[in-house]
Amino acid sequence: MSELPRYEYVKLADAIEADIASGKLPQGAALPGERAMTELYGVSIGTVRRTVVELRKRGLVATLPAKGTYVIDMPKPPGDGSEPRQT
């Protein structure tokens, strides 16, 4: 059985999440602007916007109107004990 293809915005969100986890984008760092991200990653502005929404859903970034999008949290490593225990 073949794996379903992933959307481009999910791939980009995963790449940015990896940059956050590695410290390349530390907490408090600003993400590049939308136009800069389109050029940097070679994607459309719609893809960039959906990526930012996805990162907000994951709780990794916050967008401040007229200020930009900033890293607010580090991804949790799997098995860090934050999952509820099964009883």
C-alpha atoms as a PDB file:
ATOM      1  CA  MET A   1       0.000   0.000   0.000  1.00  0.00           C
ATOM      2  CA  SER A   2       1.469   3.342  -0.997  1.00  0.00           C
ATOM      3  CA  GLU A   3       1.580   6.338   1.291  1.00  0.00           C
ATOM      4  CA  LEU A   4      -0.681   9.261   0.426  1.00  0.00           C
ATOM      5  CA  PRO A   5       1.132  12.371  -0.802  1.00  0.00           C
ATOM      6  CA  ARG A   6       1.455  15.176   1.742  1.00  0.00           C
ATOM      7  CA  TYR A   7       0.354  18.694   0.983  1.00  0.00           C
ATOM      8  CA  GLU A   8       3.122  21.193   0.283  1.00  0.00           C
ATOM      9  CA  TYR A   9       2.116  23.381   3.250  1.00  0.00           C
ATOM     10  CA  VAL A  10       2.410  20.389   5.609  1.00  0.00           C
ATOM     11  CA  LYS A  11       5.892  19.604   4.263  1.00  0.00           C
ATOM     12  CA  LEU A  12       6.933  23.224   4.772  1.00  0.00           C
ATOM     13  CA  ALA A  13       5.413  23.316   8.275  1.00  0.00           C
ATOM     14  CA  ASP A  14       7.329  20.131   9.127  1.00  0.00           C
ATOM     15  CA  ALA A  15      10.570  21.700   7.837  1.00  0.00           C
ATOM     16  CA  ILE A  16      10.037  24.859   9.896  1.00  0.00           C
ATOM     17  CA  GLU A  17       9.127  22.794  12.952  1.00  0.00           C
ATOM     18  CA  ALA A  18      12.419  20.923  12.512  1.00  0.00           C
ATOM     19  CA  ASP A  19      14.259  24.273  12.365  1.00  0.00           C
ATOM     20  CA  ILE A  20      12.550  25.282  15.615  1.00  0.00           C
ATOM     21  CA  ALA A  21      13.393  21.962  17.291  1.00  0.00           C
ATOM     22  CA  SER A  22      17.043  22.198  16.211  1.00  0.00           C
ATOM     23  CA  GLY A  23      17.388  25.733  17.547  1.00  0.00           C
ATOM     24  CA  LYS A  24      17.915  27.246  14.111  1.00  0.00           C
ATOM     25  CA  LEU A  25      14.743  29.249  14.855  1.00  0.00           C
ATOM     26  CA  PRO A  26      14.853  29.830  18.632  1.00  0.00           C
ATOM     27  CA  GLN A  27      11.945  30.938  20.796  1.00  0.00           C
ATOM     28  CA  GLY A  28      11.226  34.608  20.078  1.00  0.00           C
ATOM     29  CA  ALA A  29      12.690  34.496  16.568  1.00  0.00           C
ATOM     30  CA  ALA A  30      10.691  36.104  13.782  1.00  0.00           C
ATOM     31  CA  LEU A  31       9.802  34.031  10.746  1.00  0.00           C
ATOM     32  CA  PRO A  32      10.622  35.687   7.433  1.00  0.00           C
ATOM     33  CA  GLY A  33       7.790  37.702   5.877  1.00  0.00           C
ATOM     34  CA  GLU A  34       5.372  36.045   3.458  1.00  0.00           C
ATOM     35  CA  ARG A  35       7.096  37.294   0.308  1.00  0.00           C
ATOM     36  CA  ALA A  36      10.520  36.351   1.624  1.00  0.00           C
ATOM     37  CA  MET A  37       9.239  32.847   2.445  1.00  0.00           C
ATOM     38  CA  THR A  38       7.827  32.418  -1.088  1.00  0.00           C
ATOM     39  CA  GLU A  39      11.289  33.105  -2.502  1.00  0.00           C
ATOM     40  CA  LEU A  40      13.185  31.209   0.190  1.00  0.00           C
ATOM     41  CA  TYR A  41      11.136  28.018  -0.137  1.00  0.00           C
ATOM     42  CA  GLY A  42       9.983  28.344  -3.771  1.00  0.00           C
ATOM     43  CA  VAL A  43       6.276  28.095  -2.948  1.00  0.00           C
ATOM     44  CA  SER A  44       3.204  30.255  -3.554  1.00  0.00           C
ATOM     45  CA  ILE A  45       1.959  32.862  -1.108  1.00  0.00           C
ATOM     46  CA  GLY A  46      -1.111  30.688  -0.487  1.00  0.00           C
ATOM     47  CA  THR A  47       1.149  27.835   0.597  1.00  0.00           C
ATOM     48  CA  VAL A  48       3.041  30.164   2.942  1.00  0.00           C
ATOM     49  CA  ARG A  49      -0.207  31.388   4.500  1.00  0.00           C
ATOM     50  CA  ARG A  50      -1.500  27.840   5.037  1.00  0.00           C
ATOM     51  CA  THR A  51       1.882  26.893   6.523  1.00  0.00           C
ATOM     52  CA  VAL A  52       1.655  29.690   9.084  1.00  0.00           C
ATOM     53  CA  VAL A  53      -1.893  28.616   9.988  1.00  0.00           C
ATOM     54  CA  GLU A  54      -0.633  25.039  10.435  1.00  0.00           C
ATOM     55  CA  LEU A  55       2.239  26.199  12.665  1.00  0.00           C
ATOM     56  CA  ARG A  56      -0.224  28.217  14.774  1.00  0.00           C
ATOM     57  CA  LYS A  57      -2.443  25.126  15.127  1.00  0.00           C
ATOM     58  CA  ARG A  58       0.611  23.203  16.350  1.00  0.00           C
ATOM     59  CA  GLY A  59       1.191  25.925  18.952  1.00  0.00           C
ATOM     60  CA  LEU A  60       4.654  26.788  17.651  1.00  0.00           C
ATOM     61  CA  VAL A  61       4.152  30.357  16.415  1.00  0.00           C
ATOM     62  CA  ALA A  62       1.999  33.408  17.037  1.00  0.00           C
ATOM     63  CA  THR A  63       1.194  36.157  14.552  1.00  0.00           C
ATOM     64  CA  LEU A  64       1.008  39.746  15.739  1.00  0.00           C
ATOM     65  CA  PRO A  65      -0.897  42.011  13.316  1.00  0.00           C
ATOM     66  CA  ALA A  66       1.436  44.411  11.489  1.00  0.00           C
ATOM     67  CA  LYS A  67       4.411  42.943  13.430  1.00  0.00           C
ATOM     68  CA  GLY A  68       5.046  39.452  12.048  1.00  0.00           C
ATOM     69  CA  THR A  69       5.041  35.822  13.078  1.00  0.00           C
ATOM     70  CA  TYR A  70       7.218  34.681  15.975  1.00  0.00           C
ATOM     71  CA  VAL A  71       8.291  31.346  17.445  1.00  0.00           C
ATOM     72  CA  ILE A  72       6.565  30.890  20.805  1.00  0.00           C
ATOM     73  CA  ASP A  73       7.221  27.254  21.725  1.00  0.00           C
ATOM     74  CA  MET A  74       9.510  24.321  21.117  1.00  0.00           C
ATOM     75  CA  PRO A  75       8.048  21.061  19.782  1.00  0.00           C
ATOM     76  CA  LYS A  76       7.685  18.376  22.425  1.00  0.00           C
ATOM     77  CA  PRO A  77       9.853  15.303  21.848  1.00  0.00           C
ATOM     78  CA  PRO A  78       7.933  12.038  21.588  1.00  0.00           C
ATOM     79  CA  GLY A  79       7.631  10.218  24.884  1.00  0.00           C
ATOM     80  CA  ASP A  80       8.508  13.221  27.028  1.00  0.00           C
ATOM     81  CA  GLY A  81       5.922  12.189  29.598  1.00  0.00           C
ATOM     82  CA  SER A  82       3.366  14.820  28.687  1.00  0.00           C
ATOM     83  CA  GLU A  83       0.906  12.297  27.262  1.00  0.00           C
ATOM     84  CA  PRO A  84      -1.853  11.103  29.590  1.00  0.00           C
ATOM     85  CA  ARG A  85      -1.268   7.706  31.123  1.00  0.00           C
ATOM     86  CA  GLN A  86      -3.424   4.788  30.059  1.00  0.00           C
ATOM     87  CA  THR A  87      -4.977   2.958  33.010  1.00  0.00           C
END
